[in-house]
């Protein structure tokens, strides 16, 4: 490597030198002559597909979190990492994203407050108390409607037992048809991530362009 130093311009390689030496660097084993050989550290961190055109499709580098002990530490570290890479992406005009295996397990907590607010809002709207007096007791519209509905329903069921039994059996048989498409899920990350989640897209991109990260089963 020292013998090539005189070919550099301001200690930086030219574009032609970069294209020529990068594949060699990524396959070079560290040795006494070149302790900076990149085979160990960088071979799986750079995608050379289409490199002939002078474009690196994807690359990765390592950074570090502080010590993470609690659930809130993992969630906050993910939030901060995404905010940081978003600012860097805007500054450098390239797409960057943070990726760690545990992100897929904690992504759901980033907007859990929004989901909680939506559920609470729906519950408040449905159960909003509209005064309705019955036997001197103040009831909401829902509380007043449900007893009447189930009273009529149980009366109808008692008068038509054959229809209820046959229809129940038919529904069970129809639902059992789903067993023909039964499949055991062998990818644990699919149990945690939705199809449209950012962590799922980032994992798919990382695994398709670079060497897959640590196995999920090691978590």
N, C-alpha and C. Protein backbone atom coordinates (compact mmCIF):
# COMPACT_ATOMS: atom_id res chain seq x y z
N UNK A 1 0.83 -1.20 0.00
CA UNK A 1 0.00 0.00 0.00
C UNK A 1 0.87 1.26 0.00
N UNK A 2 2.00 1.21 0.72
CA UNK A 2 2.86 2.38 0.76
C UNK A 2 3.44 2.70 -0.60
N UNK A 3 3.64 1.68 -1.42
CA UNK A 3 4.19 1.91 -2.74
C UNK A 3 3.25 2.65 -3.65
N UNK A 4 1.98 2.66 -3.32
CA UNK A 4 1.00 3.35 -4.15
C UNK A 4 0.77 4.78 -3.71
N UNK A 5 1.42 5.19 -2.62
CA UNK A 5 1.14 6.51 -2.06
C UNK A 5 1.49 7.62 -3.04
N UNK A 6 2.56 7.45 -3.84
CA UNK A 6 2.98 8.51 -4.74
C UNK A 6 1.98 8.70 -5.89
N UNK A 7 1.06 7.75 -6.09
CA UNK A 7 0.06 7.88 -7.14
C UNK A 7 -1.15 8.68 -6.70
N UNK A 8 -1.25 9.01 -5.41
CA UNK A 8 -2.41 9.70 -4.90
C UNK A 8 -2.33 11.20 -5.17
N UNK A 9 -3.49 11.82 -5.21
CA UNK A 9 -3.57 13.26 -5.39
C UNK A 9 -4.18 13.85 -4.13
N UNK A 10 -3.37 14.65 -3.40
CA UNK A 10 -3.81 15.17 -2.11
C UNK A 10 -4.24 14.04 -1.17
N UNK A 11 -3.48 12.94 -1.24
CA UNK A 11 -3.73 11.77 -0.39
C UNK A 11 -5.07 11.10 -0.68
N UNK A 12 -5.64 11.36 -1.83
CA UNK A 12 -6.91 10.74 -2.22
C UNK A 12 -6.73 10.09 -3.59
N UNK A 13 -7.30 8.89 -3.80
CA UNK A 13 -7.19 8.24 -5.12
C UNK A 13 -8.10 8.92 -6.13
N UNK A 14 -7.73 8.80 -7.37
CA UNK A 14 -8.58 9.31 -8.45
C UNK A 14 -9.75 8.35 -8.65
N UNK A 15 -10.71 8.75 -9.47
CA UNK A 15 -11.86 7.89 -9.75
C UNK A 15 -11.41 6.60 -10.42
N UNK A 16 -10.48 6.71 -11.36
CA UNK A 16 -9.99 5.52 -12.05
C UNK A 16 -9.27 4.59 -11.08
N UNK A 17 -8.47 5.15 -10.18
CA UNK A 17 -7.77 4.33 -9.19
C UNK A 17 -8.76 3.67 -8.23
N UNK A 18 -9.76 4.40 -7.87
CA UNK A 18 -10.75 3.85 -6.96
C UNK A 18 -11.45 2.65 -7.58
N UNK A 19 -11.86 2.78 -8.85
CA UNK A 19 -12.52 1.68 -9.54
C UNK A 19 -11.60 0.49 -9.69
N UNK A 20 -10.32 0.75 -9.89
CA UNK A 20 -9.37 -0.34 -10.11
C UNK A 20 -9.02 -1.06 -8.82
N UNK A 21 -8.83 -0.30 -7.75
CA UNK A 21 -8.30 -0.88 -6.52
C UNK A 21 -9.36 -1.40 -5.56
N UNK A 22 -10.60 -0.90 -5.66
CA UNK A 22 -11.60 -1.31 -4.69
C UNK A 22 -11.86 -2.82 -4.69
N UNK A 23 -12.10 -3.46 -5.84
CA UNK A 23 -12.31 -4.92 -5.81
C UNK A 23 -11.12 -5.67 -5.20
N UNK A 24 -9.91 -5.20 -5.52
CA UNK A 24 -8.72 -5.83 -4.94
C UNK A 24 -8.69 -5.63 -3.43
N UNK A 25 -9.01 -4.43 -2.97
CA UNK A 25 -8.99 -4.13 -1.54
C UNK A 25 -9.98 -5.00 -0.77
N UNK A 26 -11.16 -5.23 -1.35
CA UNK A 26 -12.18 -6.00 -0.66
C UNK A 26 -11.85 -7.48 -0.57
N UNK A 27 -10.93 -7.95 -1.38
CA UNK A 27 -10.52 -9.36 -1.33
C UNK A 27 -9.15 -9.55 -0.68
N UNK A 28 -8.50 -8.45 -0.31
CA UNK A 28 -7.15 -8.52 0.24
C UNK A 28 -7.19 -8.91 1.72
N UNK A 29 -6.43 -9.93 2.09
CA UNK A 29 -6.32 -10.34 3.48
C UNK A 29 -5.30 -9.47 4.20
N UNK A 30 -5.60 -9.06 5.44
CA UNK A 30 -4.59 -8.30 6.19
C UNK A 30 -3.31 -9.11 6.34
N UNK A 31 -2.18 -8.45 6.16
CA UNK A 31 -0.88 -9.13 6.23
C UNK A 31 0.16 -8.15 6.75
N UNK A 32 1.39 -8.62 6.85
CA UNK A 32 2.47 -7.75 7.30
C UNK A 32 2.72 -6.64 6.29
N UNK A 33 2.52 -6.92 5.01
CA UNK A 33 2.73 -5.90 3.99
C UNK A 33 1.59 -4.89 3.94
N UNK A 34 0.37 -5.36 4.26
CA UNK A 34 -0.80 -4.47 4.21
C UNK A 34 -1.75 -4.87 5.33
N UNK A 35 -1.62 -4.19 6.45
CA UNK A 35 -2.47 -4.53 7.59
C UNK A 35 -3.89 -4.01 7.43
N UNK A 36 -4.13 -3.22 6.40
CA UNK A 36 -5.45 -2.62 6.18
C UNK A 36 -6.27 -3.39 5.14
N UNK A 37 -5.88 -4.62 4.83
CA UNK A 37 -6.65 -5.40 3.88
C UNK A 37 -8.12 -5.48 4.28
N UNK A 38 -9.01 -5.31 3.32
CA UNK A 38 -10.42 -5.14 3.65
C UNK A 38 -11.26 -6.39 3.63
N UNK A 39 -10.65 -7.55 3.41
CA UNK A 39 -11.48 -8.75 3.27
C UNK A 39 -12.27 -9.06 4.54
N UNK A 40 -11.66 -8.90 5.69
CA UNK A 40 -12.33 -9.25 6.93
C UNK A 40 -13.44 -8.30 7.31
N UNK A 41 -13.19 -7.00 7.14
CA UNK A 41 -14.13 -6.00 7.67
C UNK A 41 -15.12 -5.48 6.65
N UNK A 42 -14.77 -5.48 5.38
CA UNK A 42 -15.58 -4.73 4.42
C UNK A 42 -16.17 -5.55 3.28
N UNK A 43 -15.78 -6.81 3.14
CA UNK A 43 -16.25 -7.59 2.00
C UNK A 43 -17.77 -7.69 1.96
N UNK A 44 -18.37 -7.94 3.12
CA UNK A 44 -19.83 -8.08 3.17
C UNK A 44 -20.54 -6.75 3.39
N UNK A 45 -19.80 -5.64 3.41
CA UNK A 45 -20.40 -4.34 3.68
C UNK A 45 -20.56 -3.49 2.42
N UNK A 46 -20.20 -4.03 1.28
CA UNK A 46 -20.28 -3.26 0.04
C UNK A 46 -20.82 -4.15 -1.06
N UNK A 47 -21.78 -3.65 -1.81
CA UNK A 47 -22.32 -4.38 -2.94
C UNK A 47 -21.65 -3.88 -4.22
N UNK A 48 -20.99 -4.78 -4.93
CA UNK A 48 -20.27 -4.40 -6.14
C UNK A 48 -21.05 -4.68 -7.41
N UNK A 49 -22.27 -5.15 -7.29
CA UNK A 49 -23.09 -5.40 -8.48
C UNK A 49 -23.32 -4.08 -9.22
N UNK A 50 -22.97 -4.05 -10.50
CA UNK A 50 -23.08 -2.82 -11.27
C UNK A 50 -21.95 -1.84 -11.03
N UNK A 51 -20.88 -2.32 -10.35
CA UNK A 51 -19.75 -1.44 -10.03
C UNK A 51 -19.04 -0.94 -11.28
N UNK A 52 -19.14 -1.70 -12.38
CA UNK A 52 -18.47 -1.29 -13.60
C UNK A 52 -18.95 0.07 -14.09
N UNK A 53 -20.17 0.42 -13.75
CA UNK A 53 -20.71 1.71 -14.18
C UNK A 53 -20.27 2.85 -13.26
N UNK A 54 -19.52 2.51 -12.23
CA UNK A 54 -19.01 3.53 -11.32
C UNK A 54 -19.95 3.85 -10.18
N UNK A 55 -20.96 3.02 -9.96
CA UNK A 55 -21.96 3.30 -8.92
C UNK A 55 -21.95 2.17 -7.89
N UNK A 56 -21.82 2.53 -6.63
CA UNK A 56 -21.95 1.59 -5.53
C UNK A 56 -23.42 1.57 -5.12
N UNK A 57 -24.08 0.44 -5.29
CA UNK A 57 -25.51 0.38 -5.02
C UNK A 57 -25.83 0.47 -3.54
N UNK A 58 -25.01 -0.12 -2.71
CA UNK A 58 -25.28 -0.11 -1.27
C UNK A 58 -24.00 -0.39 -0.50
N UNK A 59 -23.87 0.21 0.64
CA UNK A 59 -22.75 -0.05 1.54
C UNK A 59 -23.22 0.20 2.96
N UNK A 60 -22.49 -0.33 3.91
CA UNK A 60 -22.86 -0.16 5.31
C UNK A 60 -21.61 0.11 6.14
N UNK A 61 -21.80 0.73 7.27
CA UNK A 61 -20.72 0.94 8.22
C UNK A 61 -21.29 0.82 9.62
N UNK A 62 -20.43 0.55 10.58
CA UNK A 62 -20.88 0.27 11.94
C UNK A 62 -20.77 1.50 12.82
N UNK A 63 -21.77 1.70 13.66
CA UNK A 63 -21.71 2.67 14.74
C UNK A 63 -22.15 1.95 16.01
N UNK A 64 -22.21 2.67 17.11
CA UNK A 64 -22.48 2.02 18.37
C UNK A 64 -23.52 2.79 19.17
N UNK A 65 -24.38 2.05 19.87
CA UNK A 65 -25.29 2.62 20.84
C UNK A 65 -24.60 2.66 22.20
N UNK A 66 -25.10 3.52 23.06
CA UNK A 66 -24.71 3.39 24.46
C UNK A 66 -25.40 2.14 25.02
N UNK A 67 -25.07 1.79 26.25
CA UNK A 67 -25.61 0.56 26.84
C UNK A 67 -27.12 0.65 26.95
N UNK A 68 -27.81 -0.38 26.46
CA UNK A 68 -29.27 -0.43 26.47
C UNK A 68 -29.73 -1.50 27.45
N UNK A 69 -30.51 -1.10 28.46
CA UNK A 69 -30.97 -2.04 29.48
C UNK A 69 -32.47 -2.21 29.52
N UNK A 70 -33.21 -1.10 29.37
CA UNK A 70 -34.65 -1.12 29.54
C UNK A 70 -35.34 -1.01 28.18
N UNK A 71 -36.63 -1.30 28.20
CA UNK A 71 -37.43 -1.17 26.99
C UNK A 71 -37.36 0.23 26.42
N UNK A 72 -37.47 1.22 27.29
CA UNK A 72 -37.44 2.61 26.82
C UNK A 72 -36.10 2.95 26.19
N UNK A 73 -35.01 2.30 26.63
CA UNK A 73 -33.69 2.55 26.04
C UNK A 73 -33.66 2.07 24.59
N UNK A 74 -34.22 0.90 24.34
CA UNK A 74 -34.23 0.37 22.98
C UNK A 74 -35.09 1.23 22.06
N UNK A 75 -36.25 1.64 22.56
CA UNK A 75 -37.14 2.46 21.73
C UNK A 75 -36.51 3.82 21.44
N UNK A 76 -35.94 4.46 22.46
CA UNK A 76 -35.33 5.78 22.25
C UNK A 76 -34.11 5.69 21.35
N UNK A 77 -33.33 4.62 21.47
CA UNK A 77 -32.15 4.47 20.60
C UNK A 77 -32.56 4.35 19.15
N UNK A 78 -33.65 3.63 18.90
CA UNK A 78 -34.15 3.50 17.54
C UNK A 78 -34.66 4.83 17.01
N UNK A 79 -35.37 5.58 17.85
CA UNK A 79 -35.89 6.88 17.44
C UNK A 79 -34.75 7.85 17.12
N UNK A 80 -33.76 7.91 17.99
CA UNK A 80 -32.62 8.81 17.78
C UNK A 80 -31.82 8.43 16.54
N UNK A 81 -31.62 7.12 16.34
CA UNK A 81 -30.87 6.66 15.16
C UNK A 81 -31.58 7.06 13.87
N UNK A 82 -32.90 6.93 13.85
CA UNK A 82 -33.65 7.31 12.64
C UNK A 82 -33.62 8.82 12.42
N UNK A 83 -33.70 9.58 13.49
CA UNK A 83 -33.62 11.04 13.35
C UNK A 83 -32.25 11.46 12.83
N UNK A 84 -31.20 10.83 13.36
CA UNK A 84 -29.84 11.17 12.93
C UNK A 84 -29.62 10.84 11.45
N UNK A 85 -29.97 9.63 11.04
CA UNK A 85 -29.77 9.25 9.64
C UNK A 85 -30.65 10.06 8.70
N UNK A 86 -31.80 10.51 9.17
CA UNK A 86 -32.65 11.37 8.34
C UNK A 86 -31.96 12.70 8.08
N UNK A 87 -31.34 13.28 9.11
CA UNK A 87 -30.62 14.54 8.92
C UNK A 87 -29.41 14.35 8.01
N UNK A 88 -28.68 13.25 8.20
CA UNK A 88 -27.52 12.99 7.34
C UNK A 88 -27.95 12.78 5.89
N UNK A 89 -29.05 12.06 5.69
CA UNK A 89 -29.56 11.83 4.33
C UNK A 89 -29.90 13.15 3.64
N UNK A 90 -30.56 14.05 4.38
CA UNK A 90 -30.91 15.35 3.82
C UNK A 90 -29.67 16.17 3.51
N UNK A 91 -28.65 16.04 4.36
CA UNK A 91 -27.43 16.83 4.17
C UNK A 91 -26.59 16.32 3.00
N UNK A 92 -26.45 14.99 2.90
CA UNK A 92 -25.60 14.40 1.86
C UNK A 92 -26.36 14.09 0.57
N UNK A 93 -27.69 14.21 0.60
CA UNK A 93 -28.52 13.92 -0.57
C UNK A 93 -28.39 12.46 -1.01
N UNK A 94 -28.24 11.57 -0.05
CA UNK A 94 -28.25 10.14 -0.32
C UNK A 94 -29.15 9.47 0.71
N UNK A 95 -29.67 8.32 0.36
CA UNK A 95 -30.58 7.63 1.26
C UNK A 95 -29.81 6.79 2.27
N UNK A 96 -30.05 7.05 3.54
CA UNK A 96 -29.41 6.29 4.60
C UNK A 96 -30.49 5.86 5.60
N UNK A 97 -30.26 4.74 6.24
CA UNK A 97 -31.16 4.30 7.31
C UNK A 97 -30.39 3.45 8.30
N UNK A 98 -30.78 3.49 9.57
CA UNK A 98 -30.13 2.64 10.58
C UNK A 98 -30.76 1.25 10.55
N UNK A 99 -29.96 0.26 10.86
CA UNK A 99 -30.50 -1.11 10.84
C UNK A 99 -29.84 -1.94 11.92
N UNK A 100 -30.67 -2.48 12.79
CA UNK A 100 -30.26 -3.49 13.76
C UNK A 100 -31.38 -4.50 13.87
N UNK A 101 -31.03 -5.71 14.24
CA UNK A 101 -32.03 -6.77 14.27
C UNK A 101 -33.16 -6.44 15.25
N UNK A 102 -32.83 -5.85 16.40
CA UNK A 102 -33.86 -5.63 17.40
C UNK A 102 -34.86 -4.54 17.00
N UNK A 103 -34.57 -3.77 15.94
CA UNK A 103 -35.50 -2.72 15.52
C UNK A 103 -36.87 -3.29 15.19
N UNK A 104 -36.89 -4.46 14.60
CA UNK A 104 -38.17 -5.03 14.19
C UNK A 104 -39.07 -5.35 15.38
N UNK A 105 -38.47 -5.58 16.54
CA UNK A 105 -39.26 -5.91 17.72
C UNK A 105 -39.79 -4.67 18.42
N UNK A 106 -39.13 -3.53 18.25
CA UNK A 106 -39.49 -2.34 19.01
C UNK A 106 -40.09 -1.23 18.15
N UNK A 107 -40.17 -1.44 16.84
CA UNK A 107 -40.74 -0.40 15.98
C UNK A 107 -42.17 -0.08 16.36
N UNK A 108 -42.93 -1.07 16.79
CA UNK A 108 -44.34 -0.86 17.12
C UNK A 108 -44.52 0.12 18.27
N UNK A 109 -43.49 0.28 19.11
CA UNK A 109 -43.62 1.18 20.26
C UNK A 109 -43.38 2.65 19.88
N UNK A 110 -42.88 2.91 18.69
CA UNK A 110 -42.62 4.29 18.29
C UNK A 110 -43.91 5.09 18.18
N UNK A 111 -44.97 4.48 17.69
CA UNK A 111 -46.23 5.19 17.54
C UNK A 111 -47.37 4.53 18.31
N UNK A 112 -47.02 3.83 19.39
CA UNK A 112 -48.05 3.16 20.16
C UNK A 112 -48.99 4.18 20.81
N UNK A 113 -48.47 5.37 21.11
CA UNK A 113 -49.31 6.41 21.70
C UNK A 113 -50.40 6.85 20.73
N UNK A 114 -50.06 6.86 19.43
CA UNK A 114 -51.05 7.26 18.42
C UNK A 114 -52.16 6.21 18.33
N UNK A 115 -51.76 4.93 18.37
CA UNK A 115 -52.75 3.86 18.35
C UNK A 115 -53.64 3.91 19.58
N UNK A 116 -53.03 4.20 20.75
CA UNK A 116 -53.82 4.29 21.98
C UNK A 116 -54.82 5.44 21.91
N UNK A 117 -54.41 6.58 21.38
CA UNK A 117 -55.31 7.72 21.27
C UNK A 117 -56.48 7.43 20.33
N UNK A 118 -56.18 6.74 19.22
CA UNK A 118 -57.25 6.40 18.28
C UNK A 118 -58.26 5.46 18.93
N UNK A 119 -57.76 4.45 19.64
CA UNK A 119 -58.66 3.50 20.31
C UNK A 119 -59.50 4.19 21.38
N UNK A 120 -58.87 5.09 22.14
CA UNK A 120 -59.61 5.81 23.17
C UNK A 120 -60.67 6.73 22.55
N UNK A 121 -60.31 7.37 21.43
CA UNK A 121 -61.26 8.25 20.77
C UNK A 121 -62.47 7.47 20.26
N UNK A 122 -62.22 6.30 19.68
CA UNK A 122 -63.33 5.46 19.20
C UNK A 122 -64.21 5.03 20.36
N UNK A 123 -63.59 4.63 21.47
CA UNK A 123 -64.37 4.20 22.63
C UNK A 123 -65.21 5.33 23.19
N UNK A 124 -64.64 6.54 23.22
CA UNK A 124 -65.38 7.69 23.75
C UNK A 124 -66.57 8.02 22.87
N UNK A 125 -66.36 7.96 21.54
CA UNK A 125 -67.45 8.26 20.61
C UNK A 125 -68.57 7.24 20.75
N UNK A 126 -68.20 5.95 20.84
CA UNK A 126 -69.22 4.89 20.90
C UNK A 126 -69.95 4.91 22.23
N UNK A 127 -69.21 5.14 23.31
CA UNK A 127 -69.82 5.05 24.64
C UNK A 127 -70.15 6.40 25.24
N UNK A 128 -70.19 7.41 24.39
CA UNK A 128 -70.51 8.75 24.89
C UNK A 128 -71.90 8.74 25.52
N UNK A 129 -71.98 9.22 26.72
CA UNK A 129 -73.23 9.18 27.47
C UNK A 129 -74.22 10.19 26.91
N UNK A 130 -75.32 9.68 26.38
CA UNK A 130 -76.47 10.49 26.00
C UNK A 130 -77.58 10.16 26.98
N UNK A 131 -78.00 11.09 27.79
CA UNK A 131 -78.96 10.76 28.86
C UNK A 131 -80.20 10.05 28.33
N UNK A 132 -80.53 8.96 28.98
CA UNK A 132 -81.74 8.20 28.67
C UNK A 132 -82.20 7.54 29.96
N UNK A 133 -83.36 7.93 30.46
CA UNK A 133 -83.83 7.44 31.74
C UNK A 133 -84.62 6.15 31.58
N UNK A 134 -84.32 5.18 32.44
CA UNK A 134 -85.09 3.94 32.46
C UNK A 134 -85.14 3.50 33.91
N UNK A 135 -86.37 3.45 34.42
CA UNK A 135 -86.58 3.08 35.83
C UNK A 135 -85.75 3.97 36.76
N UNK A 136 -85.60 5.23 36.36
CA UNK A 136 -84.87 6.17 37.20
C UNK A 136 -83.38 6.08 37.09
N UNK A 137 -82.82 5.19 36.22
CA UNK A 137 -81.38 5.02 36.04
C UNK A 137 -80.97 5.67 34.73
N UNK A 138 -79.93 6.48 34.75
CA UNK A 138 -79.47 7.16 33.55
C UNK A 138 -78.55 6.23 32.75
N UNK A 139 -78.89 5.97 31.49
CA UNK A 139 -78.14 5.05 30.63
C UNK A 139 -77.71 5.77 29.36
N UNK A 140 -76.64 5.26 28.75
CA UNK A 140 -76.24 5.76 27.44
C UNK A 140 -77.08 5.06 26.37
N UNK A 141 -76.99 5.52 25.14
CA UNK A 141 -77.74 4.91 24.05
C UNK A 141 -77.33 3.44 23.88
N UNK A 142 -76.01 3.19 23.95
CA UNK A 142 -75.52 1.81 23.77
C UNK A 142 -76.02 0.93 24.91
N UNK A 143 -75.93 1.43 26.14
CA UNK A 143 -76.37 0.63 27.28
C UNK A 143 -77.87 0.34 27.22
N UNK A 144 -78.62 1.26 26.65
CA UNK A 144 -80.04 1.02 26.52
C UNK A 144 -80.40 0.10 25.38
N UNK A 145 -79.59 0.09 24.33
CA UNK A 145 -79.90 -0.71 23.14
C UNK A 145 -79.52 -2.18 23.32
N UNK A 146 -78.37 -2.45 23.92
CA UNK A 146 -77.85 -3.81 23.98
C UNK A 146 -78.77 -4.78 24.71
N UNK A 147 -79.34 -4.44 25.88
CA UNK A 147 -80.25 -5.41 26.53
C UNK A 147 -81.45 -5.76 25.67
N UNK A 148 -82.03 -4.77 24.98
CA UNK A 148 -83.17 -5.05 24.10
C UNK A 148 -82.78 -5.97 22.95
N UNK A 149 -81.59 -5.71 22.39
CA UNK A 149 -81.14 -6.52 21.26
C UNK A 149 -80.96 -7.98 21.68
N UNK A 150 -80.24 -8.22 22.79
CA UNK A 150 -79.97 -9.59 23.19
C UNK A 150 -81.23 -10.29 23.72
N UNK A 151 -82.17 -9.54 24.25
CA UNK A 151 -83.43 -10.14 24.68
C UNK A 151 -84.20 -10.67 23.47
N UNK A 152 -84.27 -9.87 22.41
CA UNK A 152 -84.95 -10.33 21.19
C UNK A 152 -84.18 -11.47 20.53
N UNK A 153 -82.85 -11.38 20.59
CA UNK A 153 -82.02 -12.42 19.96
C UNK A 153 -82.20 -13.76 20.67
N UNK A 154 -82.17 -13.78 21.99
CA UNK A 154 -82.30 -15.06 22.71
C UNK A 154 -83.70 -15.65 22.53
N UNK A 155 -84.69 -14.80 22.37
CA UNK A 155 -86.04 -15.30 22.11
C UNK A 155 -86.11 -15.97 20.75
N UNK A 156 -85.49 -15.34 19.76
CA UNK A 156 -85.49 -15.92 18.41
C UNK A 156 -84.73 -17.23 18.37
N UNK A 157 -83.59 -17.32 19.07
CA UNK A 157 -82.79 -18.55 19.13
C UNK A 157 -83.59 -19.67 19.77
N UNK A 158 -84.31 -19.36 20.85
CA UNK A 158 -85.09 -20.39 21.54
C UNK A 158 -86.20 -20.93 20.66
N UNK A 159 -86.74 -20.14 19.77
CA UNK A 159 -87.85 -20.57 18.92
C UNK A 159 -87.37 -21.29 17.65
N UNK A 160 -86.07 -21.13 17.28
CA UNK A 160 -85.56 -21.74 16.05
C UNK A 160 -84.26 -22.50 16.33
N UNK A 161 -84.27 -23.53 17.17
CA UNK A 161 -83.03 -24.24 17.51
C UNK A 161 -82.42 -24.98 16.33
N UNK A 162 -83.25 -25.52 15.44
CA UNK A 162 -82.71 -26.28 14.31
C UNK A 162 -81.91 -25.37 13.38
N UNK A 163 -82.45 -24.19 13.11
CA UNK A 163 -81.74 -23.25 12.24
C UNK A 163 -80.41 -22.85 12.88
N UNK A 164 -80.41 -22.60 14.17
CA UNK A 164 -79.18 -22.19 14.85
C UNK A 164 -78.12 -23.28 14.80
N UNK A 165 -78.52 -24.54 15.08
CA UNK A 165 -77.55 -25.64 15.08
C UNK A 165 -76.99 -25.87 13.68
N UNK A 166 -77.85 -25.88 12.67
CA UNK A 166 -77.39 -26.13 11.30
C UNK A 166 -76.50 -25.00 10.79
N UNK A 167 -76.90 -23.76 11.06
CA UNK A 167 -76.09 -22.62 10.61
C UNK A 167 -74.75 -22.58 11.33
N UNK A 168 -74.73 -22.92 12.62
CA UNK A 168 -73.47 -22.94 13.36
C UNK A 168 -72.53 -23.99 12.80
N UNK A 169 -73.07 -25.18 12.50
CA UNK A 169 -72.25 -26.24 11.92
C UNK A 169 -71.73 -25.84 10.55
N UNK A 170 -72.57 -25.18 9.75
CA UNK A 170 -72.15 -24.75 8.41
C UNK A 170 -71.03 -23.72 8.51
N UNK A 171 -71.14 -22.79 9.44
CA UNK A 171 -70.10 -21.76 9.61
C UNK A 171 -68.78 -22.40 10.03
N UNK A 172 -68.83 -23.38 10.95
CA UNK A 172 -67.61 -24.05 11.38
C UNK A 172 -66.95 -24.78 10.22
N UNK A 173 -67.74 -25.47 9.39
CA UNK A 173 -67.19 -26.19 8.24
C UNK A 173 -66.56 -25.23 7.23
N UNK A 174 -67.21 -24.11 7.00
CA UNK A 174 -66.65 -23.12 6.07
C UNK A 174 -65.33 -22.57 6.59
N UNK A 175 -65.28 -22.26 7.87
CA UNK A 175 -64.04 -21.75 8.45
C UNK A 175 -62.93 -22.79 8.41
N UNK A 176 -63.28 -24.06 8.49
CA UNK A 176 -62.27 -25.12 8.44
C UNK A 176 -61.61 -25.23 7.07
N UNK A 177 -62.23 -24.65 6.05
CA UNK A 177 -61.61 -24.67 4.72
C UNK A 177 -60.26 -23.95 4.72
N UNK A 178 -60.10 -23.04 5.67
CA UNK A 178 -58.82 -22.34 5.76
C UNK A 178 -57.67 -23.25 6.11
N UNK A 179 -57.93 -24.42 6.64
CA UNK A 179 -56.86 -25.36 6.98
C UNK A 179 -56.11 -25.84 5.73
N UNK A 180 -56.77 -25.79 4.56
CA UNK A 180 -56.09 -26.21 3.33
C UNK A 180 -54.97 -25.23 2.97
N UNK A 181 -55.05 -24.01 3.49
CA UNK A 181 -54.01 -23.01 3.22
C UNK A 181 -53.15 -22.76 4.46
N UNK A 182 -53.23 -23.67 5.41
CA UNK A 182 -52.48 -23.51 6.65
C UNK A 182 -50.98 -23.62 6.37
N UNK A 183 -50.23 -22.70 6.92
CA UNK A 183 -48.78 -22.70 6.74
C UNK A 183 -48.11 -22.29 8.05
N UNK A 184 -47.10 -23.02 8.43
CA UNK A 184 -46.35 -22.71 9.64
C UNK A 184 -45.38 -21.58 9.33
N UNK A 185 -45.44 -20.50 10.10
CA UNK A 185 -44.54 -19.37 9.91
C UNK A 185 -43.18 -19.68 10.51
N UNK A 186 -42.15 -19.71 9.69
CA UNK A 186 -40.81 -20.04 10.14
C UNK A 186 -39.92 -18.81 10.29
N UNK A 187 -40.44 -17.63 9.91
CA UNK A 187 -39.67 -16.40 10.05
C UNK A 187 -40.22 -15.61 11.24
N UNK A 188 -39.51 -15.61 12.35
CA UNK A 188 -40.05 -14.95 13.56
C UNK A 188 -40.30 -13.47 13.38
N UNK A 189 -39.53 -12.81 12.49
CA UNK A 189 -39.73 -11.37 12.32
C UNK A 189 -41.10 -11.04 11.74
N UNK A 190 -41.68 -12.00 10.99
CA UNK A 190 -43.01 -11.76 10.42
C UNK A 190 -44.10 -11.72 11.49
N UNK A 191 -43.80 -12.25 12.66
CA UNK A 191 -44.77 -12.21 13.75
C UNK A 191 -44.78 -10.86 14.45
N UNK A 192 -43.75 -10.06 14.20
CA UNK A 192 -43.61 -8.79 14.90
C UNK A 192 -43.85 -7.60 13.98
N UNK A 193 -43.58 -7.74 12.70
CA UNK A 193 -43.63 -6.60 11.80
C UNK A 193 -44.81 -6.71 10.85
N UNK A 194 -45.42 -5.57 10.54
CA UNK A 194 -46.43 -5.52 9.51
C UNK A 194 -45.76 -5.44 8.14
N UNK A 195 -46.54 -5.74 7.11
CA UNK A 195 -45.97 -5.75 5.76
C UNK A 195 -45.49 -4.37 5.34
N UNK A 196 -46.10 -3.33 5.85
CA UNK A 196 -45.73 -1.98 5.44
C UNK A 196 -44.79 -1.28 6.39
N UNK A 197 -44.22 -1.97 7.36
CA UNK A 197 -43.37 -1.31 8.35
C UNK A 197 -42.03 -0.92 7.74
N UNK A 198 -41.45 0.15 8.27
CA UNK A 198 -40.15 0.60 7.79
C UNK A 198 -39.07 -0.43 8.11
N UNK A 199 -39.14 -1.04 9.28
CA UNK A 199 -38.14 -2.04 9.66
C UNK A 199 -38.16 -3.22 8.70
N UNK A 200 -39.35 -3.62 8.22
CA UNK A 200 -39.44 -4.73 7.28
C UNK A 200 -38.79 -4.36 5.95
N UNK A 201 -39.04 -3.13 5.47
CA UNK A 201 -38.43 -2.69 4.20
C UNK A 201 -36.92 -2.57 4.34
N UNK A 202 -36.46 -2.05 5.47
CA UNK A 202 -35.01 -1.90 5.68
C UNK A 202 -34.32 -3.26 5.76
N UNK A 203 -34.95 -4.21 6.45
CA UNK A 203 -34.37 -5.55 6.54
C UNK A 203 -34.31 -6.21 5.16
N UNK A 204 -35.37 -6.07 4.39
CA UNK A 204 -35.39 -6.67 3.05
C UNK A 204 -34.30 -6.06 2.17
N UNK A 205 -34.14 -4.74 2.24
CA UNK A 205 -33.09 -4.08 1.44
C UNK A 205 -31.71 -4.54 1.89
N UNK A 206 -31.49 -4.58 3.21
CA UNK A 206 -30.18 -4.95 3.72
C UNK A 206 -29.82 -6.38 3.33
N UNK A 207 -30.76 -7.30 3.51
CA UNK A 207 -30.48 -8.71 3.22
C UNK A 207 -30.31 -8.98 1.73
N UNK A 208 -30.97 -8.18 0.88
CA UNK A 208 -30.89 -8.41 -0.57
C UNK A 208 -29.65 -7.77 -1.19
N UNK A 209 -29.12 -6.72 -0.58
CA UNK A 209 -27.97 -6.02 -1.15
C UNK A 209 -26.66 -6.33 -0.44
N UNK A 210 -26.73 -6.66 0.84
CA UNK A 210 -25.54 -6.94 1.62
C UNK A 210 -25.70 -8.29 2.30
N UNK A 211 -24.66 -8.72 2.98
CA UNK A 211 -24.74 -10.00 3.67
C UNK A 211 -25.76 -9.89 4.80
N UNK A 212 -26.62 -10.89 4.96
CA UNK A 212 -27.61 -10.84 6.05
C UNK A 212 -26.95 -10.62 7.39
N UNK A 213 -27.66 -9.87 8.24
CA UNK A 213 -27.15 -9.56 9.57
C UNK A 213 -27.23 -10.81 10.43
N UNK A 214 -26.94 -10.67 11.72
CA UNK A 214 -26.97 -11.81 12.63
C UNK A 214 -28.31 -12.52 12.55
N UNK A 215 -28.29 -13.81 12.73
CA UNK A 215 -29.52 -14.59 12.66
C UNK A 215 -30.50 -14.15 13.73
N UNK A 216 -31.78 -14.12 13.36
CA UNK A 216 -32.82 -13.68 14.29
C UNK A 216 -32.84 -14.60 15.52
N UNK A 217 -32.56 -15.89 15.31
CA UNK A 217 -32.66 -16.84 16.40
C UNK A 217 -31.63 -16.56 17.50
N UNK A 218 -30.62 -15.73 17.22
CA UNK A 218 -29.62 -15.43 18.22
C UNK A 218 -30.10 -14.40 19.23
N UNK A 219 -31.20 -13.71 18.92
CA UNK A 219 -31.70 -12.69 19.84
C UNK A 219 -32.27 -13.36 21.08
